[in-house]
Every structure is written in C-alpha cells, then in structure tokens.
C-alpha cells in the first residue's frame, strides 16, 4: 500500500471543474458539426439536430452542477457562447464562400 500523499491527490482525476469540461465539450462538438454539416451551398438539417442535443446537454449539465456556477463561471460560459458564434463565421469564411 502506497502511503505517499502525492499519488492520492488526484483521485479519479476529478479535479477539472464541470464548467470547464462543459465549455470544452461545446467547442469540440460545435467545431466538428460546423465543419462537417455546413458548406457554401447551405446548412444541413442535421446541424440543427446536433445543436439541439448540445443545448439539452448544456441544460442538464448546468442543472446538475448548479451550485458550482457562480458569477465568474456564468460569465465564462456566456463568453464562450459568443466566441462560438464568431467561430462559426470564421469556419465558414475558411471555406471561401
């Protein structure tokens, strides 16, 4: 049995806050959906389904960890949504439409 406290600090690697995990998940899913489901010709309907599922996931995650979301986390979350909107236009511009 190892009694060294260095190895006991990161039990199950649960030290990443839920708000950071949610923001990272949003960026990954949104970026992949934008690249795969949008083109110069238009936006596929499945893109809206992916965004709806992502919104439901956000709702339940925020509801589950409600006590963790204080003013700085809410500001970071809203700011990440604004950045994702900008990311959409940047990724569309990269397609040379």
Protein backbone atom coordinates (compact mmCIF):
# COMPACT_ATOMS: atom_id res chain seq x y z
CA UNK A 1 0.00 0.00 0.00
CA UNK A 2 1.37 3.37 -1.00
CA UNK A 3 1.00 5.99 1.70
CA UNK A 4 2.61 8.83 -0.23
CA UNK A 5 0.05 11.72 -0.43
CA UNK A 6 1.29 12.81 -3.87
CA UNK A 7 -0.45 9.86 -5.51
CA UNK A 8 -3.66 10.31 -3.53
CA UNK A 9 -4.22 13.93 -4.58
CA UNK A 10 -5.80 13.21 -7.97
CA UNK A 11 -8.23 10.51 -7.04
CA UNK A 12 -10.13 9.51 -10.22
CA UNK A 13 -8.84 12.65 -11.97
CA UNK A 14 -11.92 14.59 -10.85
CA UNK A 15 -10.17 17.89 -10.39
CA UNK A 16 -11.39 19.53 -13.63
CA UNK A 17 -14.41 21.75 -12.89
CA UNK A 18 -17.65 20.83 -14.62
CA UNK A 19 -17.90 24.30 -16.14
CA UNK A 20 -14.54 23.91 -17.92
CA UNK A 21 -15.48 20.44 -19.16
CA UNK A 22 -18.78 21.80 -20.48
CA UNK A 23 -17.09 24.65 -22.36
CA UNK A 24 -14.51 22.30 -23.91
CA UNK A 25 -17.23 19.86 -24.94
CA UNK A 26 -19.23 22.68 -26.52
CA UNK A 27 -16.27 23.85 -28.59
CA UNK A 28 -15.38 20.35 -29.80
CA UNK A 29 -18.93 19.37 -30.77
CA UNK A 30 -19.73 22.75 -32.31
CA UNK A 31 -16.47 22.90 -34.30
CA UNK A 32 -16.87 19.40 -35.69
CA UNK A 33 -20.54 19.95 -36.52
CA UNK A 34 -19.76 23.22 -38.27
CA UNK A 35 -17.01 21.69 -40.37
CA UNK A 36 -18.95 18.55 -41.31
CA UNK A 37 -22.50 19.84 -41.69
CA UNK A 38 -22.15 23.29 -43.25
CA UNK A 39 -20.99 24.20 -46.70
CA UNK A 40 -21.22 27.05 -49.18
CA UNK A 41 -24.43 25.52 -50.53
CA UNK A 42 -26.16 25.69 -47.15
CA UNK A 43 -26.62 24.19 -43.74
CA UNK A 44 -27.77 20.60 -43.43
CA UNK A 45 -30.77 19.91 -41.20
CA UNK A 46 -28.78 17.52 -39.02
CA UNK A 47 -26.66 20.51 -37.90
CA UNK A 48 -29.70 21.89 -36.08
CA UNK A 49 -30.33 18.49 -34.50
CA UNK A 50 -26.74 18.43 -33.20
CA UNK A 51 -27.14 21.94 -31.77
CA UNK A 52 -30.43 20.96 -30.12
CA UNK A 53 -28.83 17.91 -28.50
CA UNK A 54 -25.93 20.08 -27.37
CA UNK A 55 -28.37 22.59 -25.84
CA UNK A 56 -30.15 19.81 -23.94
CA UNK A 57 -26.80 18.50 -22.72
CA UNK A 58 -25.87 22.01 -21.55
CA UNK A 59 -29.17 22.42 -19.73
CA UNK A 60 -28.87 19.18 -17.79
CA UNK A 61 -25.17 19.67 -17.01
CA UNK A 62 -25.74 23.18 -15.66
CA UNK A 63 -28.73 21.95 -13.70
CA UNK A 64 -26.71 19.08 -12.21
CA UNK A 65 -23.83 21.33 -11.11
CA UNK A 66 -25.92 24.41 -10.28
CA UNK A 67 -24.05 25.17 -7.05
CA UNK A 68 -20.74 25.38 -8.94
CA UNK A 69 -21.92 28.10 -11.35
CA UNK A 70 -21.19 31.41 -9.72
CA UNK A 71 -20.71 34.77 -11.43
CA UNK A 72 -17.22 34.07 -12.95
CA UNK A 73 -18.33 30.69 -14.35
CA UNK A 74 -21.50 32.19 -15.83
CA UNK A 75 -19.50 34.99 -17.47
CA UNK A 76 -17.05 32.44 -18.91
CA UNK A 77 -19.92 30.30 -20.21
CA UNK A 78 -21.71 33.21 -21.90
CA UNK A 79 -18.41 34.48 -23.32
CA UNK A 80 -17.72 31.01 -24.74
CA UNK A 81 -21.10 31.06 -26.50
CA UNK A 82 -20.23 34.42 -28.09
CA UNK A 83 -16.83 33.07 -29.17
CA UNK A 84 -18.54 30.01 -30.68
CA UNK A 85 -20.75 32.30 -32.74
CA UNK A 86 -17.62 34.02 -34.02
CA UNK A 87 -16.04 30.62 -34.63
CA UNK A 88 -18.96 29.73 -36.87
CA UNK A 89 -18.29 32.71 -39.14
CA UNK A 90 -14.53 32.09 -39.12
CA UNK A 91 -15.00 28.46 -40.15
CA UNK A 92 -17.50 29.46 -42.85
CA UNK A 93 -15.04 32.08 -44.16
CA UNK A 94 -12.32 29.42 -44.26
CA UNK A 95 -14.46 27.52 -46.80
CA UNK A 96 -14.14 30.51 -49.20
CA UNK A 97 -17.87 31.03 -49.67
